[in-house]
Protein backbone atom coordinates (compact mmCIF):
# COMPACT_ATOMS: atom_id res chain seq x y z
CA MET A 1 -15.83 25.39 7.41
CA ILE A 2 -14.51 21.87 6.90
CA GLU A 3 -11.63 20.98 9.22
CA TRP A 4 -8.81 18.69 8.16
CA PRO A 5 -6.83 17.84 11.31
CA HIS A 6 -4.99 14.99 9.55
CA TRP A 7 -3.55 17.32 6.91
CA ILE A 8 -2.77 20.10 9.37
CA GLU A 9 -0.83 17.63 11.51
CA ARG A 10 1.08 16.45 8.44
CA ILE A 11 1.96 20.04 7.52
CA HIS A 12 3.23 20.76 11.04
CA ALA A 13 5.28 17.54 10.94
CA ALA A 14 6.76 18.61 7.60
CA TRP A 15 7.69 22.00 9.09
CA LYS A 16 9.76 20.22 11.70
CA LYS A 17 11.88 18.81 8.86
CA ARG A 18 11.94 21.79 6.47
CA PRO A 19 11.24 25.55 6.74
CA VAL A 20 8.96 25.60 3.67
CA VAL A 21 5.92 23.45 2.91
CA TRP A 22 4.51 23.44 -0.62
CA LEU A 23 0.86 22.50 -1.13
CA ALA A 24 0.22 21.24 -4.65
CA GLY A 25 -2.73 19.58 -6.31
CA VAL A 26 -5.47 19.95 -8.84
CA ARG A 27 -7.70 23.01 -8.76
CA ARG A 28 -10.57 23.37 -6.30
CA VAL A 29 -9.59 20.66 -3.83
CA GLY A 30 -9.09 23.03 -0.87
CA LYS A 31 -5.38 23.93 -0.85
CA THR A 32 -6.05 27.62 -0.16
CA THR A 33 -8.67 26.81 2.46
CA LEU A 34 -6.25 24.45 4.19
CA ALA A 35 -3.42 26.99 4.05
CA ARG A 36 -5.58 29.68 5.60
CA MET A 37 -6.50 27.36 8.49
CA ILE A 38 -2.91 27.25 9.69
CA HIS A 39 -2.26 29.94 12.27
CA GLY A 40 0.94 31.88 11.68
CA ALA A 41 1.50 30.53 8.17
CA VAL A 42 2.33 32.84 5.31
CA TYR A 43 0.33 32.03 2.18
CA LEU A 44 1.57 32.85 -1.32
CA ASN A 45 -0.40 32.28 -4.50
CA CYS A 46 2.34 31.32 -6.96
CA ASP A 47 -0.10 31.66 -9.87
CA LEU A 48 0.22 35.45 -9.54
CA PRO A 49 2.98 37.15 -11.56
CA SER A 50 3.62 39.58 -8.69
CA VAL A 51 4.40 36.68 -6.36
CA LEU A 52 6.66 34.98 -8.89
CA HIS A 53 8.51 38.28 -9.34
CA ARG A 54 9.09 38.53 -5.56
CA LEU A 55 10.43 34.96 -5.51
CA GLU A 56 13.03 35.61 -8.22
CA ASP A 57 15.48 36.73 -5.52
CA PRO A 58 15.03 34.33 -2.56
CA GLU A 59 17.45 36.23 -0.30
CA LEU A 60 15.61 39.49 -0.80
CA PHE A 61 12.27 37.72 -0.39
CA TYR A 62 13.19 36.26 3.02
CA ARG A 63 14.63 39.56 4.27
CA SER A 64 11.49 41.52 3.34
CA PRO A 65 8.35 41.56 5.48
CA PRO A 66 5.40 39.66 4.00
CA GLU A 67 2.82 41.75 2.17
CA GLN A 68 -0.54 41.92 3.87
CA SER A 69 -2.26 40.30 0.90
CA HIS A 70 0.00 37.25 0.96
CA ARG A 71 0.95 34.71 3.56
CA ARG A 72 4.00 32.49 3.19
CA LEU A 73 3.27 28.82 3.38
């Protein structure tokens, strides 16, 4: 697996400023791979309708435990 310490450090630095970090970019550049490299992160695929539905009520979303198939990031 390719390691990207520069980007992981930038994500951790961003977390010190904000509680949510959004990874955006064109398809197939490694966003999901990078997200899964970060220990303790919760990854959500916002392309999925089920995820978008969960995010419609942010208060409820943050009070509920993360689903096993998703990790918030």
